């Protein structure tokens, strides 16, 4: 699921410098339109490990307020629909529900 730079930094708890380093090493890929995702091999490995749910919790913490703030803008909501749904699923799975 491609994320904006701001969302990727928030979910991964990284700085802009670290973000740039991850791109330089090919761990993050630019998917175009200012969107980024983990390299497929890295994403597959992380999915298999599922040791720590912290990033999933940060996903919910970032996207649920984002969705609430942008609920009136259909283009934003449509563009982030898969991320918002993943955030809601994460919030439910990690007992962050109901979200304020």
PDB file of N, CA and C in Angstrom:
ATOM      1  N   UNK A   1       0.831  -1.160   0.000  1.00  0.00           N
ATOM      2  CA  UNK A   1       0.000   0.000   0.000  1.00  0.00           C
ATOM      3  C   UNK A   1       0.883   1.232   0.000  1.00  0.00           C
ATOM      4  N   UNK A   2       0.887   1.974  -1.070  1.00  0.00           N
ATOM      5  CA  UNK A   2       1.710   3.184  -1.153  1.00  0.00           C
ATOM      6  C   UNK A   2       1.241   4.261  -0.175  1.00  0.00           C
ATOM      7  N   UNK A   3       2.218   4.929   0.419  1.00  0.00           N
ATOM      8  CA  UNK A   3       1.952   5.996   1.376  1.00  0.00           C
ATOM      9  C   UNK A   3       2.614   7.286   0.915  1.00  0.00           C
ATOM     10  N   UNK A   4       2.062   8.401   1.362  1.00  0.00           N
ATOM     11  CA  UNK A   4       2.739   9.679   1.147  1.00  0.00           C
ATOM     12  C   UNK A   4       3.997   9.696   2.008  1.00  0.00           C
ATOM     13  N   UNK A   5       4.886  10.622   1.717  1.00  0.00           N
ATOM     14  CA  UNK A   5       6.130  10.736   2.506  1.00  0.00           C
ATOM     15  C   UNK A   5       5.805  10.991   3.976  1.00  0.00           C
ATOM     16  N   UNK A   6       4.857  11.893   4.249  1.00  0.00           N
ATOM     17  CA  UNK A   6       4.492  12.202   5.640  1.00  0.00           C
ATOM     18  C   UNK A   6       3.950  10.973   6.354  1.00  0.00           C
ATOM     19  N   UNK A   7       3.063  10.241   5.680  1.00  0.00           N
ATOM     20  CA  UNK A   7       2.485   9.040   6.292  1.00  0.00           C
ATOM     21  C   UNK A   7       3.564   7.989   6.512  1.00  0.00           C
ATOM     22  N   UNK A   8       4.440   7.798   5.538  1.00  0.00           N
ATOM     23  CA  UNK A   8       5.504   6.796   5.663  1.00  0.00           C
ATOM     24  C   UNK A   8       6.425   7.132   6.834  1.00  0.00           C
ATOM     25  N   UNK A   9       6.765   8.393   6.988  1.00  0.00           N
ATOM     26  CA  UNK A   9       7.624   8.795   8.110  1.00  0.00           C
ATOM     27  C   UNK A   9       6.906   8.591   9.443  1.00  0.00           C
ATOM     28  N   UNK A  10       5.615   8.910   9.493  1.00  0.00           N
ATOM     29  CA  UNK A  10       4.855   8.739  10.735  1.00  0.00           C
ATOM     30  C   UNK A  10       4.705   7.265  11.097  1.00  0.00           C
ATOM     31  N   UNK A  11       4.353   6.444  10.133  1.00  0.00           N
ATOM     32  CA  UNK A  11       4.137   5.022  10.395  1.00  0.00           C
ATOM     33  C   UNK A  11       5.440   4.330  10.774  1.00  0.00           C
ATOM     34  N   UNK A  12       6.529   4.715  10.136  1.00  0.00           N
ATOM     35  CA  UNK A  12       7.819   4.081  10.400  1.00  0.00           C
ATOM     36  C   UNK A  12       8.637   4.801  11.463  1.00  0.00           C
ATOM     37  N   UNK A  13       8.092   5.897  11.983  1.00  0.00           N
ATOM     38  CA  UNK A  13       8.754   6.675  13.029  1.00  0.00           C
ATOM     39  C   UNK A  13      10.176   7.058  12.610  1.00  0.00           C
ATOM     40  N   UNK A  14      10.284   7.616  11.396  1.00  0.00           N
ATOM     41  CA  UNK A  14      11.582   7.994  10.855  1.00  0.00           C
ATOM     42  C   UNK A  14      11.639   9.480  10.550  1.00  0.00           C
ATOM     43  N   UNK A  15      12.851   9.956  10.418  1.00  0.00           N
ATOM     44  CA  UNK A  15      13.083  11.340  10.016  1.00  0.00           C
ATOM     45  C   UNK A  15      13.181  11.399   8.493  1.00  0.00           C
ATOM     46  N   UNK A  16      13.200  12.599   7.955  1.00  0.00           N
ATOM     47  CA  UNK A  16      13.386  12.765   6.514  1.00  0.00           C
ATOM     48  C   UNK A  16      14.727  12.190   6.058  1.00  0.00           C
ATOM     49  N   UNK A  17      15.772  12.347   6.865  1.00  0.00           N
ATOM     50  CA  UNK A  17      17.087  11.801   6.501  1.00  0.00           C
ATOM     51  C   UNK A  17      17.054  10.280   6.418  1.00  0.00           C
ATOM     52  N   UNK A  18      16.423   9.650   7.396  1.00  0.00           N
ATOM     53  CA  UNK A  18      16.313   8.192   7.378  1.00  0.00           C
ATOM     54  C   UNK A  18      15.476   7.743   6.196  1.00  0.00           C
ATOM     55  N   UNK A  19      14.407   8.472   5.925  1.00  0.00           N
ATOM     56  CA  UNK A  19      13.539   8.165   4.781  1.00  0.00           C
ATOM     57  C   UNK A  19      14.355   8.189   3.485  1.00  0.00           C
ATOM     58  N   UNK A  20      15.164   9.219   3.316  1.00  0.00           N
ATOM     59  CA  UNK A  20      16.002   9.338   2.118  1.00  0.00           C
ATOM     60  C   UNK A  20      17.005   8.186   2.031  1.00  0.00           C
ATOM     61  N   UNK A  21      17.559   7.792   3.167  1.00  0.00           N
ATOM     62  CA  UNK A  21      18.497   6.671   3.180  1.00  0.00           C
ATOM     63  C   UNK A  21      17.811   5.374   2.770  1.00  0.00           C
ATOM     64  N   UNK A  22      16.597   5.156   3.245  1.00  0.00           N
ATOM     65  CA  UNK A  22      15.848   3.953   2.873  1.00  0.00           C
ATOM     66  C   UNK A  22      15.581   3.908   1.370  1.00  0.00           C
ATOM     67  N   UNK A  23      15.319   5.062   0.785  1.00  0.00           N
ATOM     68  CA  UNK A  23      15.129   5.128  -0.672  1.00  0.00           C
ATOM     69  C   UNK A  23      16.450   4.850  -1.377  1.00  0.00           C
ATOM     70  N   UNK A  24      17.532   5.488  -0.901  1.00  0.00           N
ATOM     71  CA  UNK A  24      18.854   5.295  -1.515  1.00  0.00           C
ATOM     72  C   UNK A  24      19.269   3.825  -1.534  1.00  0.00           C
ATOM     73  N   UNK A  25      18.934   3.080  -0.476  1.00  0.00           N
ATOM     74  CA  UNK A  25      19.308   1.670  -0.394  1.00  0.00           C
ATOM     75  C   UNK A  25      18.285   0.742  -1.050  1.00  0.00           C
ATOM     76  N   UNK A  26      17.219   1.318  -1.592  1.00  0.00           N
ATOM     77  CA  UNK A  26      16.230   0.516  -2.302  1.00  0.00           C
ATOM     78  C   UNK A  26      15.236  -0.222  -1.420  1.00  0.00           C
ATOM     79  N   UNK A  27      15.198   0.120  -0.144  1.00  0.00           N
ATOM     80  CA  UNK A  27      14.238  -0.520   0.752  1.00  0.00           C
ATOM     81  C   UNK A  27      12.849   0.082   0.614  1.00  0.00           C
ATOM     82  N   UNK A  28      12.803   1.361   0.267  1.00  0.00           N
ATOM     83  CA  UNK A  28      11.547   2.034  -0.083  1.00  0.00           C
ATOM     84  C   UNK A  28      11.589   2.356  -1.561  1.00  0.00           C
ATOM     85  N   UNK A  29      10.458   2.215  -2.207  1.00  0.00           N
ATOM     86  CA  UNK A  29      10.375   2.487  -3.639  1.00  0.00           C
ATOM     87  C   UNK A  29       9.407   3.629  -3.895  1.00  0.00           C
ATOM     88  N   UNK A  30       9.789   4.496  -4.805  1.00  0.00           N
ATOM     89  CA  UNK A  30       8.931   5.587  -5.250  1.00  0.00           C
ATOM     90  C   UNK A  30       7.961   5.006  -6.273  1.00  0.00           C
ATOM     91  N   UNK A  31       6.666   5.037  -5.949  1.00  0.00           N
ATOM     92  CA  UNK A  31       5.661   4.494  -6.866  1.00  0.00           C
ATOM     93  C   UNK A  31       5.045   5.563  -7.754  1.00  0.00           C
ATOM     94  N   UNK A  32       5.538   6.792  -7.629  1.00  0.00           N
ATOM     95  CA  UNK A  32       5.030   7.904  -8.431  1.00  0.00           C
ATOM     96  C   UNK A  32       3.971   8.693  -7.685  1.00  0.00           C
ATOM     97  N   UNK A  33       3.801   9.911  -8.099  1.00  0.00           N
ATOM     98  CA  UNK A  33       2.785  10.765  -7.489  1.00  0.00           C
ATOM     99  C   UNK A  33       3.026  11.078  -6.031  1.00  0.00           C
ATOM    100  N   UNK A  34       4.296  11.057  -5.621  1.00  0.00           N
ATOM    101  CA  UNK A  34       4.609  11.365  -4.227  1.00  0.00           C
ATOM    102  C   UNK A  34       4.253  10.244  -3.271  1.00  0.00           C
ATOM    103  N   UNK A  35       4.166   9.021  -3.766  1.00  0.00           N
ATOM    104  CA  UNK A  35       3.792   7.858  -2.965  1.00  0.00           C
ATOM    105  C   UNK A  35       4.958   6.873  -2.913  1.00  0.00           C
ATOM    106  N   UNK A  36       5.071   6.184  -1.789  1.00  0.00           N
ATOM    107  CA  UNK A  36       6.180   5.270  -1.557  1.00  0.00           C
ATOM    108  C   UNK A  36       5.672   3.991  -0.908  1.00  0.00           C
ATOM    109  N   UNK A  37       6.387   2.895  -1.160  1.00  0.00           N
ATOM    110  CA  UNK A  37       6.060   1.631  -0.496  1.00  0.00           C
ATOM    111  C   UNK A  37       7.342   0.857  -0.236  1.00  0.00           C
ATOM    112  N   UNK A  38       7.246  -0.106   0.660  1.00  0.00           N
ATOM    113  CA  UNK A  38       8.377  -0.984   0.936  1.00  0.00           C
ATOM    114  C   UNK A  38       8.662  -1.831  -0.294  1.00  0.00           C
ATOM    115  N   UNK A  39       9.926  -2.113  -0.509  1.00  0.00           N
ATOM    116  CA  UNK A  39      10.295  -3.070  -1.552  1.00  0.00           C
ATOM    117  C   UNK A  39       9.540  -4.362  -1.254  1.00  0.00           C
ATOM    118  N   UNK A  40       9.047  -5.045  -2.277  1.00  0.00           N
ATOM    119  CA  UNK A  40       8.192  -6.217  -2.092  1.00  0.00           C
ATOM    120  C   UNK A  40       8.838  -7.294  -1.225  1.00  0.00           C
ATOM    121  N   UNK A  41      10.116  -7.549  -1.409  1.00  0.00           N
ATOM    122  CA  UNK A  41      10.803  -8.567  -0.608  1.00  0.00           C
ATOM    123  C   UNK A  41      10.826  -8.180   0.864  1.00  0.00           C
ATOM    124  N   UNK A  42      11.084  -6.908   1.144  1.00  0.00           N
ATOM    125  CA  UNK A  42      11.102  -6.425   2.527  1.00  0.00           C
ATOM    126  C   UNK A  42       9.700  -6.533   3.127  1.00  0.00           C
ATOM    127  N   UNK A  43       8.694  -6.141   2.360  1.00  0.00           N
ATOM    128  CA  UNK A  43       7.310  -6.210   2.840  1.00  0.00           C
ATOM    129  C   UNK A  43       6.909  -7.648   3.141  1.00  0.00           C
ATOM    130  N   UNK A  44       7.271  -8.569   2.261  1.00  0.00           N
ATOM    131  CA  UNK A  44       6.943  -9.983   2.479  1.00  0.00           C
ATOM    132  C   UNK A  44       7.616 -10.515   3.742  1.00  0.00           C
ATOM    133  N   UNK A  45       8.884 -10.177   3.916  1.00  0.00           N
ATOM    134  CA  UNK A  45       9.617 -10.624   5.099  1.00  0.00           C
ATOM    135  C   UNK A  45       8.992 -10.047   6.372  1.00  0.00           C
ATOM    136  N   UNK A  46       8.683  -8.764   6.362  1.00  0.00           N
ATOM    137  CA  UNK A  46       8.084  -8.122   7.538  1.00  0.00           C
ATOM    138  C   UNK A  46       6.733  -8.747   7.865  1.00  0.00           C
ATOM    139  N   UNK A  47       5.958  -9.041   6.853  1.00  0.00           N
ATOM    140  CA  UNK A  47       4.650  -9.655   7.058  1.00  0.00           C
ATOM    141  C   UNK A  47       4.798 -11.034   7.709  1.00  0.00           C
ATOM    142  N   UNK A  48       5.797 -11.799   7.299  1.00  0.00           N
ATOM    143  CA  UNK A  48       6.020 -13.123   7.868  1.00  0.00           C
ATOM    144  C   UNK A  48       6.489 -13.056   9.319  1.00  0.00           C
ATOM    145  N   UNK A  49       7.274 -12.039   9.655  1.00  0.00           N
ATOM    146  CA  UNK A  49       7.836 -11.937  10.999  1.00  0.00           C
ATOM    147  C   UNK A  49       6.789 -11.518  12.024  1.00  0.00           C
ATOM    148  N   UNK A  50       6.065 -10.474  11.758  1.00  0.00           N
ATOM    149  CA  UNK A  50       5.030  -9.922  12.637  1.00  0.00           C
ATOM    150  C   UNK A  50       5.407 -10.021  14.117  1.00  0.00           C
ATOM    151  N   UNK A  51       6.616  -9.565  14.421  1.00  0.00           N
ATOM    152  CA  UNK A  51       7.102  -9.620  15.793  1.00  0.00           C
ATOM    153  C   UNK A  51       6.516  -8.475  16.625  1.00  0.00           C
ATOM    154  N   UNK A  52       6.444  -7.311  16.038  1.00  0.00           N
ATOM    155  CA  UNK A  52       6.062  -6.111  16.764  1.00  0.00           C
ATOM    156  C   UNK A  52       4.950  -5.390  16.011  1.00  0.00           C
ATOM    157  N   UNK A  53       3.889  -5.063  16.698  1.00  0.00           N
ATOM    158  CA  UNK A  53       2.737  -4.414  16.073  1.00  0.00           C
ATOM    159  C   UNK A  53       2.818  -2.888  16.147  1.00  0.00           C
ATOM    160  N   UNK A  54       3.951  -2.356  16.560  1.00  0.00           N
ATOM    161  CA  UNK A  54       4.073  -0.912  16.756  1.00  0.00           C
ATOM    162  C   UNK A  54       3.780  -0.131  15.487  1.00  0.00           C
ATOM    163  N   UNK A  55       4.315  -0.561  14.352  1.00  0.00           N
ATOM    164  CA  UNK A  55       4.074   0.166  13.101  1.00  0.00           C
ATOM    165  C   UNK A  55       2.605   0.121  12.718  1.00  0.00           C
ATOM    166  N   UNK A  56       1.947  -1.014  12.953  1.00  0.00           N
ATOM    167  CA  UNK A  56       0.518  -1.103  12.648  1.00  0.00           C
ATOM    168  C   UNK A  56      -0.277  -0.158  13.544  1.00  0.00           C
ATOM    169  N   UNK A  57       0.118  -0.028  14.782  1.00  0.00           N
ATOM    170  CA  UNK A  57      -0.553   0.904  15.695  1.00  0.00           C
ATOM    171  C   UNK A  57      -0.324   2.346  15.250  1.00  0.00           C
ATOM    172  N   UNK A  58       0.898   2.644  14.777  1.00  0.00           N
ATOM    173  CA  UNK A  58       1.169   3.997  14.276  1.00  0.00           C
ATOM    174  C   UNK A  58       0.365   4.277  13.011  1.00  0.00           C
ATOM    175  N   UNK A  59       0.142   3.233  12.181  1.00  0.00           N
ATOM    176  CA  UNK A  59      -0.693   3.385  10.988  1.00  0.00           C
ATOM    177  C   UNK A  59      -2.083   3.855  11.394  1.00  0.00           C
ATOM    178  N   UNK A  60      -2.663   3.210  12.380  1.00  0.00           N
ATOM    179  CA  UNK A  60      -3.990   3.608  12.870  1.00  0.00           C
ATOM    180  C   UNK A  60      -3.951   5.003  13.483  1.00  0.00           C
ATOM    181  N   UNK A  61      -2.915   5.271  14.266  1.00  0.00           N
ATOM    182  CA  UNK A  61      -2.801   6.580  14.923  1.00  0.00           C
ATOM    183  C   UNK A  61      -2.658   7.712  13.913  1.00  0.00           C
ATOM    184  N   UNK A  62      -2.065   7.420  12.755  1.00  0.00           N
ATOM    185  CA  UNK A  62      -1.904   8.449  11.722  1.00  0.00           C
ATOM    186  C   UNK A  62      -3.170   8.589  10.875  1.00  0.00           C
ATOM    187  N   UNK A  63      -3.695   7.479  10.370  1.00  0.00           N
ATOM    188  CA  UNK A  63      -4.753   7.563   9.372  1.00  0.00           C
ATOM    189  C   UNK A  63      -6.162   7.786   9.909  1.00  0.00           C
ATOM    190  N   UNK A  64      -6.454   7.381  11.129  1.00  0.00           N
ATOM    191  CA  UNK A  64      -7.816   7.601  11.629  1.00  0.00           C
ATOM    192  C   UNK A  64      -8.082   9.088  11.839  1.00  0.00           C
ATOM    193  N   UNK A  65      -7.199   9.833  12.513  1.00  0.00           N
ATOM    194  CA  UNK A  65      -7.426  11.284  12.587  1.00  0.00           C
ATOM    195  C   UNK A  65      -7.364  11.957  11.210  1.00  0.00           C
ATOM    196  N   UNK A  66      -6.504  11.450  10.333  1.00  0.00           N
ATOM    197  CA  UNK A  66      -6.408  11.973   8.962  1.00  0.00           C
ATOM    198  C   UNK A  66      -7.742  11.820   8.244  1.00  0.00           C
ATOM    199  N   UNK A  67      -8.348  10.649   8.378  1.00  0.00           N
ATOM    200  CA  UNK A  67      -9.650  10.406   7.745  1.00  0.00           C
ATOM    201  C   UNK A  67     -10.722  11.299   8.349  1.00  0.00           C
ATOM    202  N   UNK A  68     -10.691  11.466   9.658  1.00  0.00           N
ATOM    203  CA  UNK A  68     -11.666  12.334  10.313  1.00  0.00           C
ATOM    204  C   UNK A  68     -11.520  13.780   9.846  1.00  0.00           C
ATOM    205  N   UNK A  69     -10.295  14.242   9.698  1.00  0.00           N
ATOM    206  CA  UNK A  69     -10.047  15.621   9.281  1.00  0.00           C
ATOM    207  C   UNK A  69     -10.390  15.854   7.814  1.00  0.00           C
ATOM    208  N   UNK A  70     -10.331  14.806   6.993  1.00  0.00           N
ATOM    209  CA  UNK A  70     -10.554  14.961   5.550  1.00  0.00           C
ATOM    210  C   UNK A  70     -11.821  14.276   5.051  1.00  0.00           C
ATOM    211  N   UNK A  71     -12.712  13.930   5.955  1.00  0.00           N
ATOM    212  CA  UNK A  71     -13.930  13.193   5.590  1.00  0.00           C
ATOM    213  C   UNK A  71     -14.766  13.925   4.547  1.00  0.00           C
ATOM    214  N   UNK A  72     -14.664  15.229   4.478  1.00  0.00           N
ATOM    215  CA  UNK A  72     -15.453  16.035   3.543  1.00  0.00           C
ATOM    216  C   UNK A  72     -14.872  16.075   2.127  1.00  0.00           C
ATOM    217  N   UNK A  73     -13.662  15.574   1.956  1.00  0.00           N
ATOM    218  CA  UNK A  73     -12.977  15.658   0.662  1.00  0.00           C
ATOM    219  C   UNK A  73     -12.903  14.272   0.010  1.00  0.00           C
ATOM    220  N   UNK A  74     -13.799  14.023  -0.928  1.00  0.00           N
ATOM    221  CA  UNK A  74     -13.900  12.705  -1.564  1.00  0.00           C
ATOM    222  C   UNK A  74     -12.618  12.306  -2.279  1.00  0.00           C
ATOM    223  N   UNK A  75     -11.916  13.249  -2.897  1.00  0.00           N
ATOM    224  CA  UNK A  75     -10.703  12.886  -3.628  1.00  0.00           C
ATOM    225  C   UNK A  75      -9.617  12.403  -2.678  1.00  0.00           C
ATOM    226  N   UNK A  76      -9.488  13.028  -1.528  1.00  0.00           N
ATOM    227  CA  UNK A  76      -8.514  12.579  -0.528  1.00  0.00           C
ATOM    228  C   UNK A  76      -8.924  11.217   0.017  1.00  0.00           C
ATOM    229  N   UNK A  77     -10.195  11.072   0.349  1.00  0.00           N
ATOM    230  CA  UNK A  77     -10.674   9.808   0.911  1.00  0.00           C
ATOM    231  C   UNK A  77     -10.515   8.664  -0.091  1.00  0.00           C
ATOM    232  N   UNK A  78     -10.808   8.914  -1.352  1.00  0.00           N
ATOM    233  CA  UNK A  78     -10.649   7.878  -2.374  1.00  0.00           C
ATOM    234  C   UNK A  78      -9.184   7.503  -2.553  1.00  0.00           C
ATOM    235  N   UNK A  79      -8.310   8.495  -2.530  1.00  0.00           N
ATOM    236  CA  UNK A  79      -6.883   8.234  -2.710  1.00  0.00           C
ATOM    237  C   UNK A  79      -6.261   7.462  -1.564  1.00  0.00           C
ATOM    238  N   UNK A  80      -6.826   7.589  -0.390  1.00  0.00           N
ATOM    239  CA  UNK A  80      -6.273   6.926   0.800  1.00  0.00           C
ATOM    240  C   UNK A  80      -7.162   5.796   1.314  1.00  0.00           C
ATOM    241  N   UNK A  81      -8.146   5.388   0.530  1.00  0.00           N
ATOM    242  CA  UNK A  81      -9.124   4.405   1.001  1.00  0.00           C
ATOM    243  C   UNK A  81      -8.477   3.122   1.520  1.00  0.00           C
ATOM    244  N   UNK A  82      -7.530   2.559   0.778  1.00  0.00           N
ATOM    245  CA  UNK A  82      -6.917   1.295   1.228  1.00  0.00           C
ATOM    246  C   UNK A  82      -6.114   1.496   2.504  1.00  0.00           C
ATOM    247  N   UNK A  83      -5.468   2.648   2.649  1.00  0.00           N
ATOM    248  CA  UNK A  83      -4.701   2.929   3.864  1.00  0.00           C
ATOM    249  C   UNK A  83      -5.626   3.145   5.058  1.00  0.00           C
ATOM    250  N   UNK A  84      -6.734   3.839   4.834  1.00  0.00           N
ATOM    251  CA  UNK A  84      -7.695   4.084   5.909  1.00  0.00           C
ATOM    252  C   UNK A  84      -8.322   2.776   6.364  1.00  0.00           C
ATOM    253  N   UNK A  85      -8.680   1.924   5.418  1.00  0.00           N
ATOM    254  CA  UNK A  85      -9.254   0.626   5.780  1.00  0.00           C
ATOM    255  C   UNK A  85      -8.239  -0.228   6.543  1.00  0.00           C
ATOM    256  N   UNK A  86      -6.984  -0.203   6.114  1.00  0.00           N
ATOM    257  CA  UNK A  86      -5.937  -0.943   6.830  1.00  0.00           C
ATOM    258  C   UNK A  86      -5.759  -0.380   8.240  1.00  0.00           C
ATOM    259  N   UNK A  87      -5.841   0.929   8.377  1.00  0.00           N
ATOM    260  CA  UNK A  87      -5.713   1.561   9.697  1.00  0.00           C
ATOM    261  C   UNK A  87      -6.868   1.162  10.607  1.00  0.00           C
ATOM    262  N   UNK A  88      -8.077   1.134  10.073  1.00  0.00           N
ATOM    263  CA  UNK A  88      -9.234   0.722  10.874  1.00  0.00           C
ATOM    264  C   UNK A  88      -9.103  -0.741  11.290  1.00  0.00           C
ATOM    265  N   UNK A  89      -8.643  -1.586  10.378  1.00  0.00           N
ATOM    266  CA  UNK A  89      -8.443  -2.993  10.695  1.00  0.00           C
ATOM    267  C   UNK A  89      -7.378  -3.146  11.783  1.00  0.00           C
ATOM    268  N   UNK A  90      -6.312  -2.376  11.675  1.00  0.00           N
ATOM    269  CA  UNK A  90      -5.254  -2.412  12.679  1.00  0.00           C
ATOM    270  C   UNK A  90      -5.770  -1.944  14.032  1.00  0.00           C
ATOM    271  N   UNK A  91      -6.559  -0.885  14.035  1.00  0.00           N
ATOM    272  CA  UNK A  91      -7.114  -0.371  15.290  1.00  0.00           C
ATOM    273  C   UNK A  91      -7.989  -1.427  15.963  1.00  0.00           C
ATOM    274  N   UNK A  92      -8.783  -2.119  15.176  1.00  0.00           N
ATOM    275  CA  UNK A  92      -9.632  -3.182  15.724  1.00  0.00           C
ATOM    276  C   UNK A  92      -8.771  -4.327  16.257  1.00  0.00           C
ATOM    277  N   UNK A  93      -7.791  -4.758  15.473  1.00  0.00           N
ATOM    278  CA  UNK A  93      -6.954  -5.894  15.844  1.00  0.00           C
ATOM    279  C   UNK A  93      -6.095  -5.627  17.079  1.00  0.00           C
ATOM    280  N   UNK A  94      -5.745  -4.373  17.304  1.00  0.00           N
ATOM    281  CA  UNK A  94      -4.846  -4.040  18.411  1.00  0.00           C
ATOM    282  C   UNK A  94      -5.555  -3.261  19.514  1.00  0.00           C
ATOM    283  N   UNK A  95      -6.853  -3.443  19.585  1.00  0.00           N
ATOM    284  CA  UNK A  95      -7.658  -2.854  20.664  1.00  0.00           C
ATOM    285  C   UNK A  95      -7.487  -1.341  20.777  1.00  0.00           C
ATOM    286  N   UNK A  96      -7.348  -0.684  19.650  1.00  0.00           N
ATOM    287  CA  UNK A  96      -7.307   0.780  19.618  1.00  0.00           C
ATOM    288  C   UNK A  96      -8.691   1.313  19.296  1.00  0.00           C
ATOM    289  N   UNK A  97      -9.655   0.464  19.314  1.00  0.00           N
ATOM    290  CA  UNK A  97     -11.028   0.804  18.930  1.00  0.00           C
ATOM    291  C   UNK A  97     -11.867   0.867  20.176  1.00  0.00           C
ATOM    292  N   UNK A  98     -12.749   1.809  20.374  1.00  0.00           N
ATOM    293  CA  UNK A  98     -13.024   2.894  19.427  1.00  0.00           C
ATOM    294  C   UNK A  98     -11.947   3.956  19.495  1.00  0.00           C
ATOM    295  N   UNK A  99     -11.725   4.571  18.371  1.00  0.00           N
ATOM    296  CA  UNK A  99     -10.694   5.603  18.259  1.00  0.00           C
ATOM    297  C   UNK A  99     -11.325   6.959  18.499  1.00  0.00           C
ATOM    298  N   UNK A 100     -10.588   7.820  19.145  1.00  0.00           N
ATOM    299  CA  UNK A 100     -11.101   9.171  19.363  1.00  0.00           C
ATOM    300  C   UNK A 100     -10.528  10.134  18.373  1.00  0.00           C
TER     301      UNK A 100
END
